[in-house]
Amino acid sequence: MRQEKLQELEQEIGYCFRDKQLLTRAMTHSSYAHEKFQPKFSDNERLEFLGDAVLELISSEFLYTAYPEKEEGDLTKLRASLVCEANLAASARQLKLGTYLMLGNGEDLTGGRERDSILSDAFEALIGAMYLDGGFTSAKEFVLTYVLNDIEHKKLFFDSKTILQEIIQNEFHRGLHYKLISEEGPDHNKLFTAQVFMDEYPLQTGTGRTKKAAEQNAAYQSLIKARAGEYDEWRQD
């Protein structure tokens, strides 16, 4: 059954591993390896270390070429937003990576398959495994497809709180604050809802697995509305 699942993952990512053990290790969380008394280095932590470095090189090369007008500091900030934990976890969810992970029972029962940290680590481990199996070109093609795509949208989303703050201060001359509206679910799998306010005026709400993610989502939804002119009636001359 495990091999069938990994074959399914290969079809999902469009890459067939020559060394199947690399893919198996990339999908093996430390909790599973410990629970099954597997040998040292059977989990994906070393592959994650390698994948992180490969990802940094690929993204740096891509941004250096794609944005010749940007300074080093701006490129660093952009790279950080593109390869941050939340973005990598989102890319992992796009591949349904959580369904292929081998987790210990405790980690599995407490929502590990949807935890950003576990998903982003597994995604980097997959990059590392692909690099070892197929070389830099294979890893680069994968990263370009699943990480360095739709960059302008991702920049807008991950910088949404900062961009919205600037718009509200500079164009509306008002303050901005966030309020937690609700939190649902067990401690290991919370869903938060937050709302952003421009002074006393309520803007949009957003949800997320953390308070920060919910606020970011609310800011993103509000930013779209602000850019469409839907809050113009609240401008101060």
C-alpha atoms as a PDB file:
ATOM      1  CA  MET A   1       0.000   0.000   0.000  1.00  0.00           C
ATOM      2  CA  ARG A   2       2.817   2.406   0.871  1.00  0.00           C
ATOM      3  CA  GLN A   3       4.490   1.846  -2.485  1.00  0.00           C
ATOM      4  CA  GLU A   4       1.200   2.446  -4.280  1.00  0.00           C
ATOM      5  CA  LYS A   5       0.801   5.769  -2.474  1.00  0.00           C
ATOM      6  CA  LEU A   6       4.309   6.842  -3.422  1.00  0.00           C
ATOM      7  CA  GLN A   7       3.664   5.921  -7.052  1.00  0.00           C
ATOM      8  CA  GLU A   8       0.579   8.089  -6.845  1.00  0.00           C
ATOM      9  CA  LEU A   9       2.736  10.941  -5.535  1.00  0.00           C
ATOM     10  CA  GLU A  10       5.160  10.487  -8.427  1.00  0.00           C
ATOM     11  CA  GLN A  11       2.251  10.886 -10.828  1.00  0.00           C
ATOM     12  CA  GLU A  12       1.111  13.983  -8.917  1.00  0.00           C
ATOM     13  CA  ILE A  13       4.497  15.715  -9.177  1.00  0.00           C
ATOM     14  CA  GLY A  14       5.255  14.435 -12.669  1.00  0.00           C
ATOM     15  CA  TYR A  15       8.569  12.882 -11.730  1.00  0.00           C
ATOM     16  CA  CYS A  16       9.550   9.202 -11.434  1.00  0.00           C
ATOM     17  CA  PHE A  17      12.348   8.471  -8.962  1.00  0.00           C
ATOM     18  CA  ARG A  18      15.085   6.081 -10.000  1.00  0.00           C
ATOM     19  CA  ASP A  19      15.984   5.592  -6.324  1.00  0.00           C
ATOM     20  CA  LYS A  20      12.626   4.948  -4.630  1.00  0.00           C
ATOM     21  CA  GLN A  21      14.273   4.995  -1.206  1.00  0.00           C
ATOM     22  CA  LEU A  22      14.924   8.710  -1.583  1.00  0.00           C
ATOM     23  CA  LEU A  23      11.224   9.389  -2.041  1.00  0.00           C
ATOM     24  CA  THR A  24      10.361   7.092   0.873  1.00  0.00           C
ATOM     25  CA  ARG A  25      12.799   8.928   3.131  1.00  0.00           C
ATOM     26  CA  ALA A  26      11.497  12.329   2.007  1.00  0.00           C
ATOM     27  CA  MET A  27       8.015  11.336   3.134  1.00  0.00           C
ATOM     28  CA  THR A  28       9.150   9.825   6.465  1.00  0.00           C
ATOM     29  CA  HIS A  29       8.658  12.137   9.442  1.00  0.00           C
ATOM     30  CA  SER A  30      10.911  11.691  12.461  1.00  0.00           C
ATOM     31  CA  SER A  31       7.912  10.674  14.605  1.00  0.00           C
ATOM     32  CA  TYR A  32       7.295   7.668  12.342  1.00  0.00           C
ATOM     33  CA  ALA A  33      10.957   6.654  12.253  1.00  0.00           C
ATOM     34  CA  HIS A  34      11.173   6.811  16.044  1.00  0.00           C
ATOM     35  CA  GLU A  35       7.918   4.941  16.536  1.00  0.00           C
ATOM     36  CA  LYS A  36       8.991   2.166  14.170  1.00  0.00           C
ATOM     37  CA  PHE A  37      12.525   1.990  15.664  1.00  0.00           C
ATOM     38  CA  GLN A  38      14.020   2.659  12.253  1.00  0.00           C
ATOM     39  CA  PRO A  39      17.800   3.183  11.859  1.00  0.00           C
ATOM     40  CA  LYS A  40      19.320   6.615  12.351  1.00  0.00           C
ATOM     41  CA  PHE A  41      18.821   9.023   9.420  1.00  0.00           C
ATOM     42  CA  SER A  42      15.756   7.117   8.151  1.00  0.00           C
ATOM     43  CA  ASP A  43      13.623  10.260   8.410  1.00  0.00           C
ATOM     44  CA  ASN A  44      13.539  13.303   6.120  1.00  0.00           C
ATOM     45  CA  GLU A  45      15.490  15.807   8.245  1.00  0.00           C
ATOM     46  CA  ARG A  46      18.786  15.545   6.345  1.00  0.00           C
ATOM     47  CA  LEU A  47      16.960  15.766   3.013  1.00  0.00           C
ATOM     48  CA  GLU A  48      15.134  18.828   4.293  1.00  0.00           C
ATOM     49  CA  PHE A  49      18.497  20.437   5.100  1.00  0.00           C
ATOM     50  CA  LEU A  50      19.700  19.789   1.559  1.00  0.00           C
ATOM     51  CA  GLY A  51      16.416  20.823  -0.043  1.00  0.00           C
ATOM     52  CA  ASP A  52      16.453  24.134   1.803  1.00  0.00           C
ATOM     53  CA  ALA A  53      19.847  24.957   0.304  1.00  0.00           C
ATOM     54  CA  VAL A  54      18.797  23.870  -3.190  1.00  0.00           C
ATOM     55  CA  LEU A  55      15.622  25.917  -2.931  1.00  0.00           C
ATOM     56  CA  GLU A  56      17.576  28.995  -1.866  1.00  0.00           C
ATOM     57  CA  LEU A  57      19.945  28.694  -4.824  1.00  0.00           C
ATOM     58  CA  ILE A  58      17.160  28.137  -7.369  1.00  0.00           C
ATOM     59  CA  SER A  59      15.032  30.992  -6.050  1.00  0.00           C
ATOM     60  CA  SER A  60      18.046  33.327  -5.836  1.00  0.00           C
ATOM     61  CA  GLU A  61      19.063  32.610  -9.418  1.00  0.00           C
ATOM     62  CA  PHE A  62      15.491  33.042 -10.627  1.00  0.00           C
ATOM     63  CA  LEU A  63      14.930  36.374  -8.860  1.00  0.00           C
ATOM     64  CA  TYR A  64      18.365  37.691  -9.870  1.00  0.00           C
ATOM     65  CA  THR A  65      17.446  37.107 -13.511  1.00  0.00           C
ATOM     66  CA  ALA A  66      13.770  38.077 -13.350  1.00  0.00           C
ATOM     67  CA  TYR A  67      14.262  41.360 -11.469  1.00  0.00           C
ATOM     68  CA  PRO A  68      17.457  43.032 -12.780  1.00  0.00           C
ATOM     69  CA  GLU A  69      16.313  46.409 -11.423  1.00  0.00           C
ATOM     70  CA  LYS A  70      15.977  45.275  -7.789  1.00  0.00           C
ATOM     71  CA  GLU A  71      18.692  45.804  -5.185  1.00  0.00           C
ATOM     72  CA  GLU A  72      20.118  43.003  -3.039  1.00  0.00           C
ATOM     73  CA  GLY A  73      17.996  43.916  -0.022  1.00  0.00           C
ATOM     74  CA  ASP A  74      14.774  43.871  -2.015  1.00  0.00           C
ATOM     75  CA  LEU A  75      15.677  40.539  -3.604  1.00  0.00           C
ATOM     76  CA  THR A  76      16.356  39.078  -0.160  1.00  0.00           C
ATOM     77  CA  LYS A  77      12.958  40.193   1.142  1.00  0.00           C
ATOM     78  CA  LEU A  78      11.183  38.861  -1.939  1.00  0.00           C
ATOM     79  CA  ARG A  79      12.951  35.512  -1.685  1.00  0.00           C
ATOM     80  CA  ALA A  80      12.068  35.256   1.996  1.00  0.00           C
ATOM     81  CA  SER A  81       8.381  35.806   1.259  1.00  0.00           C
ATOM     82  CA  LEU A  82       8.349  33.239  -1.546  1.00  0.00           C
ATOM     83  CA  VAL A  83      10.111  30.437   0.351  1.00  0.00           C
ATOM     84  CA  CYS A  84       8.605  31.088   3.782  1.00  0.00           C
ATOM     85  CA  GLU A  85       6.984  28.269   5.733  1.00  0.00           C
ATOM     86  CA  ALA A  86       3.421  29.327   4.895  1.00  0.00           C
ATOM     87  CA  ASN A  87       4.085  29.456   1.153  1.00  0.00           C
ATOM     88  CA  LEU A  88       5.867  26.105   1.090  1.00  0.00           C
ATOM     89  CA  ALA A  89       3.052  24.563   3.118  1.00  0.00           C
ATOM     90  CA  ALA A  90       0.560  25.968   0.615  1.00  0.00           C
ATOM     91  CA  SER A  91       2.565  24.405  -2.229  1.00  0.00           C
ATOM     92  CA  ALA A  92       2.599  21.115  -0.321  1.00  0.00           C
ATOM     93  CA  ARG A  93      -1.180  21.247   0.055  1.00  0.00           C
ATOM     94  CA  GLN A  94      -1.480  21.823  -3.677  1.00  0.00           C
ATOM     95  CA  LEU A  95       0.198  18.433  -4.089  1.00  0.00           C
ATOM     96  CA  LYS A  96      -1.824  16.881  -1.226  1.00  0.00           C
ATOM     97  CA  LEU A  97       1.550  16.063   0.295  1.00  0.00           C
ATOM     98  CA  GLY A  98       0.046  15.490   3.730  1.00  0.00           C
ATOM     99  CA  THR A  99      -1.760  12.381   2.511  1.00  0.00           C
ATOM    100  CA  TYR A 100       1.554  10.762   1.533  1.00  0.00           C
ATOM    101  CA  LEU A 101       3.463  11.458   4.743  1.00  0.00           C
ATOM    102  CA  MET A 102       4.437   8.677   7.120  1.00  0.00           C
ATOM    103  CA  LEU A 103       3.755  10.043  10.601  1.00  0.00           C
ATOM    104  CA  GLY A 104       3.808   8.564  14.058  1.00  0.00           C
ATOM    105  CA  ASN A 105       0.369   7.859  15.513  1.00  0.00           C
ATOM    106  CA  GLY A 106       0.569  10.704  17.999  1.00  0.00           C
ATOM    107  CA  GLU A 107       1.583  13.245  15.363  1.00  0.00           C
ATOM    108  CA  ASP A 108      -1.083  11.950  13.021  1.00  0.00           C
ATOM    109  CA  LEU A 109      -3.851  12.157  15.613  1.00  0.00           C
ATOM    110  CA  THR A 110      -2.958  15.739  16.526  1.00  0.00           C
ATOM    111  CA  GLY A 111      -3.290  17.123  13.000  1.00  0.00           C
ATOM    112  CA  GLY A 112       0.286  16.717  11.782  1.00  0.00           C
ATOM    113  CA  ARG A 113      -0.767  16.180   8.182  1.00  0.00           C
ATOM    114  CA  GLU A 114      -2.052  19.754   8.038  1.00  0.00           C
ATOM    115  CA  ARG A 115       0.622  21.435  10.166  1.00  0.00           C
ATOM    116  CA  ASP A 116       2.543  24.081   8.221  1.00  0.00           C
ATOM    117  CA  SER A 117       5.905  23.198   9.751  1.00  0.00           C
ATOM    118  CA  ILE A 118       5.626  19.492   8.868  1.00  0.00           C
ATOM    119  CA  LEU A 119       4.331  20.165   5.368  1.00  0.00           C
ATOM    120  CA  SER A 120       6.975  22.768   4.535  1.00  0.00           C
ATOM    121  CA  ASP A 121       9.756  20.506   5.863  1.00  0.00           C
ATOM    122  CA  ALA A 122       8.469  17.590   3.777  1.00  0.00           C
ATOM    123  CA  PHE A 123       8.280  19.827   0.716  1.00  0.00           C
ATOM    124  CA  GLU A 124      11.927  20.848   1.154  1.00  0.00           C
ATOM    125  CA  ALA A 125      12.863  17.195   1.724  1.00  0.00           C
ATOM    126  CA  LEU A 126      11.166  16.335  -1.558  1.00  0.00           C
ATOM    127  CA  ILE A 127      13.253  18.986  -3.312  1.00  0.00           C
ATOM    128  CA  GLY A 128      16.398  17.519  -1.750  1.00  0.00           C
ATOM    129  CA  ALA A 129      15.438  14.006  -2.812  1.00  0.00           C
ATOM    130  CA  MET A 130      14.701  15.140  -6.351  1.00  0.00           C
ATOM    131  CA  TYR A 131      18.052  16.942  -6.520  1.00  0.00           C
ATOM    132  CA  LEU A 132      19.940  13.805  -5.475  1.00  0.00           C
ATOM    133  CA  ASP A 133      17.948  11.579  -7.811  1.00  0.00           C
ATOM    134  CA  GLY A 134      17.704  13.703 -10.941  1.00  0.00           C
ATOM    135  CA  GLY A 135      20.140  16.563 -10.508  1.00  0.00           C
ATOM    136  CA  PHE A 136      19.763  20.326 -10.374  1.00  0.00           C
ATOM    137  CA  THR A 137      17.631  20.590 -13.520  1.00  0.00           C
ATOM    138  CA  SER A 138      14.920  18.277 -12.174  1.00  0.00           C
ATOM    139  CA  ALA A 139      14.800  20.099  -8.849  1.00  0.00           C
ATOM    140  CA  LYS A 140      14.718  23.464 -10.607  1.00  0.00           C
ATOM    141  CA  GLU A 141      11.808  22.476 -12.827  1.00  0.00           C
ATOM    142  CA  PHE A 142       9.862  21.341  -9.765  1.00  0.00           C
ATOM    143  CA  VAL A 143      10.561  24.564  -7.828  1.00  0.00           C
ATOM    144  CA  LEU A 144       9.662  26.757 -10.805  1.00  0.00           C
ATOM    145  CA  THR A 145       6.369  24.911 -11.186  1.00  0.00           C
ATOM    146  CA  TYR A 146       5.241  24.815  -7.571  1.00  0.00           C
ATOM    147  CA  VAL A 147       7.034  27.641  -5.748  1.00  0.00           C
ATOM    148  CA  LEU A 148       8.171  30.345  -8.168  1.00  0.00           C
ATOM    149  CA  ASN A 149       4.842  30.630  -9.954  1.00  0.00           C
ATOM    150  CA  ASP A 150       2.280  33.425  -9.742  1.00  0.00           C
ATOM    151  CA  ILE A 151       4.824  35.595  -7.937  1.00  0.00           C
ATOM    152  CA  GLU A 152       2.914  38.870  -8.080  1.00  0.00           C
ATOM    153  CA  HIS A 153      -0.099  37.267  -6.393  1.00  0.00           C
ATOM    154  CA  LYS A 154       2.092  35.687  -3.708  1.00  0.00           C
ATOM    155  CA  LYS A 155       3.909  38.971  -3.096  1.00  0.00           C
ATOM    156  CA  LEU A 156       0.576  40.698  -2.648  1.00  0.00           C
ATOM    157  CA  PHE A 157      -0.685  38.048  -0.241  1.00  0.00           C
ATOM    158  CA  PHE A 158       2.373  37.725   1.986  1.00  0.00           C
ATOM    159  CA  ASP A 159       3.003  41.489   2.096  1.00  0.00           C
ATOM    160  CA  SER A 160      -0.701  42.298   2.460  1.00  0.00           C
ATOM    161  CA  LYS A 161      -0.558  43.600   6.039  1.00  0.00           C
ATOM    162  CA  THR A 162       2.282  46.000   5.235  1.00  0.00           C
ATOM    163  CA  ILE A 163       0.743  47.176   1.949  1.00  0.00           C
ATOM    164  CA  LEU A 164      -2.697  47.691   3.515  1.00  0.00           C
ATOM    165  CA  GLN A 165      -1.149  49.626   6.413  1.00  0.00           C
ATOM    166  CA  GLU A 166       0.595  51.969   3.973  1.00  0.00           C
ATOM    167  CA  ILE A 167      -2.585  52.559   1.958  1.00  0.00           C
ATOM    168  CA  ILE A 168      -4.739  53.261   5.011  1.00  0.00           C
ATOM    169  CA  GLN A 169      -2.185  55.638   6.540  1.00  0.00           C
ATOM    170  CA  ASN A 170      -1.122  57.467   3.371  1.00  0.00           C
ATOM    171  CA  GLU A 171      -4.391  57.614   1.435  1.00  0.00           C
ATOM    172  CA  PHE A 172      -7.076  57.474   4.133  1.00  0.00           C
ATOM    173  CA  HIS A 173      -5.122  59.010   7.046  1.00  0.00           C
ATOM    174  CA  ARG A 174      -6.672  56.520   9.439  1.00  0.00           C
ATOM    175  CA  GLY A 175      -5.480  53.845  11.824  1.00  0.00           C
ATOM    176  CA  LEU A 176      -5.639  50.099  11.325  1.00  0.00           C
ATOM    177  CA  HIS A 177      -6.150  47.335  13.862  1.00  0.00           C
ATOM    178  CA  TYR A 178      -7.146  43.667  13.974  1.00  0.00           C
ATOM    179  CA  LYS A 179      -9.623  41.840  16.179  1.00  0.00           C
ATOM    180  CA  LEU A 180      -9.931  38.115  16.784  1.00  0.00           C
ATOM    181  CA  ILE A 181     -13.547  37.208  16.019  1.00  0.00           C
ATOM    182  CA  SER A 182     -13.580  33.498  16.834  1.00  0.00           C
ATOM    183  CA  GLU A 183     -11.523  30.370  17.282  1.00  0.00           C
ATOM    184  CA  GLU A 184     -12.857  26.881  16.681  1.00  0.00           C
ATOM    185  CA  GLY A 185     -11.609  23.322  16.950  1.00  0.00           C
ATOM    186  CA  PRO A 186      -9.291  21.419  19.310  1.00  0.00           C
ATOM    187  CA  ASP A 187      -5.999  22.905  20.468  1.00  0.00           C
ATOM    188  CA  HIS A 188      -3.958  20.972  17.912  1.00  0.00           C
ATOM    189  CA  ASN A 189      -6.150  22.020  14.992  1.00  0.00           C
ATOM    190  CA  LYS A 190      -7.548  25.496  15.650  1.00  0.00           C
ATOM    191  CA  LEU A 191      -9.240  27.646  13.028  1.00  0.00           C
ATOM    192  CA  PHE A 192      -9.069  31.371  13.774  1.00  0.00           C
ATOM    193  CA  THR A 193     -11.193  34.145  12.271  1.00  0.00           C
ATOM    194  CA  ALA A 194      -9.952  37.737  12.417  1.00  0.00           C
ATOM    195  CA  GLN A 195     -11.325  41.029  11.174  1.00  0.00           C
ATOM    196  CA  VAL A 196      -9.457  44.183  10.248  1.00  0.00           C
ATOM    197  CA  PHE A 197     -10.787  47.635  11.144  1.00  0.00           C
ATOM    198  CA  MET A 198      -9.968  51.071   9.723  1.00  0.00           C
ATOM    199  CA  ASP A 199     -10.539  53.152  12.861  1.00  0.00           C
ATOM    200  CA  GLU A 200     -14.095  52.130  13.762  1.00  0.00           C
ATOM    201  CA  TYR A 201     -15.008  50.959  10.263  1.00  0.00           C
ATOM    202  CA  PRO A 202     -15.042  47.151   9.826  1.00  0.00           C
ATOM    203  CA  LEU A 203     -13.266  45.873   6.723  1.00  0.00           C
ATOM    204  CA  GLN A 204     -12.886  42.195   5.750  1.00  0.00           C
ATOM    205  CA  THR A 205     -12.532  38.987   7.744  1.00  0.00           C
ATOM    206  CA  GLY A 206     -10.092  36.143   7.176  1.00  0.00           C
ATOM    207  CA  THR A 207      -9.461  32.673   8.528  1.00  0.00           C
ATOM    208  CA  GLY A 208      -6.280  30.730   9.250  1.00  0.00           C
ATOM    209  CA  ARG A 209      -4.701  28.042  11.384  1.00  0.00           C
ATOM    210  CA  THR A 210      -2.937  30.732  13.422  1.00  0.00           C
ATOM    211  CA  LYS A 211      -3.998  34.217  14.515  1.00  0.00           C
ATOM    212  CA  LYS A 212      -1.295  35.712  12.313  1.00  0.00           C
ATOM    213  CA  ALA A 213      -2.507  33.761   9.274  1.00  0.00           C
ATOM    214  CA  ALA A 214      -6.105  34.849   9.897  1.00  0.00           C
ATOM    215  CA  GLU A 215      -5.028  38.499  10.135  1.00  0.00           C
ATOM    216  CA  GLN A 216      -2.978  38.177   6.953  1.00  0.00           C
ATOM    217  CA  ASN A 217      -5.938  36.689   5.113  1.00  0.00           C
ATOM    218  CA  ALA A 218      -8.203  39.499   6.384  1.00  0.00           C
ATOM    219  CA  ALA A 219      -5.660  42.077   5.238  1.00  0.00           C
ATOM    220  CA  TYR A 220      -5.419  40.456   1.812  1.00  0.00           C
ATOM    221  CA  GLN A 221      -9.211  40.477   1.346  1.00  0.00           C
ATOM    222  CA  SER A 222      -9.355  44.111   2.505  1.00  0.00           C
ATOM    223  CA  LEU A 223      -6.492  45.101   0.218  1.00  0.00           C
ATOM    224  CA  ILE A 224      -8.348  43.768  -2.810  1.00  0.00           C
ATOM    225  CA  LYS A 225     -11.412  45.807  -1.824  1.00  0.00           C
ATOM    226  CA  ALA A 226      -9.337  48.940  -1.154  1.00  0.00           C
ATOM    227  CA  ARG A 227      -7.643  48.734  -4.544  1.00  0.00           C
ATOM    228  CA  ALA A 228     -11.069  48.374  -6.152  1.00  0.00           C
ATOM    229  CA  GLY A 229     -12.154  51.644  -4.509  1.00  0.00           C
ATOM    230  CA  GLU A 230     -14.794  50.115  -2.248  1.00  0.00           C
ATOM    231  CA  TYR A 231     -13.653  52.109   0.796  1.00  0.00           C
ATOM    232  CA  ASP A 232     -13.359  55.477  -0.944  1.00  0.00           C
ATOM    233  CA  GLU A 233     -16.340  56.912   0.956  1.00  0.00           C
ATOM    234  CA  TRP A 234     -14.258  56.708   4.142  1.00  0.00           C
ATOM    235  CA  ARG A 235     -11.382  58.783   2.815  1.00  0.00           C
ATOM    236  CA  GLN A 236     -10.354  61.863   4.774  1.00  0.00           C
ATOM    237  CA  ASP A 237      -9.574  64.946   2.714  1.00  0.00           C
END
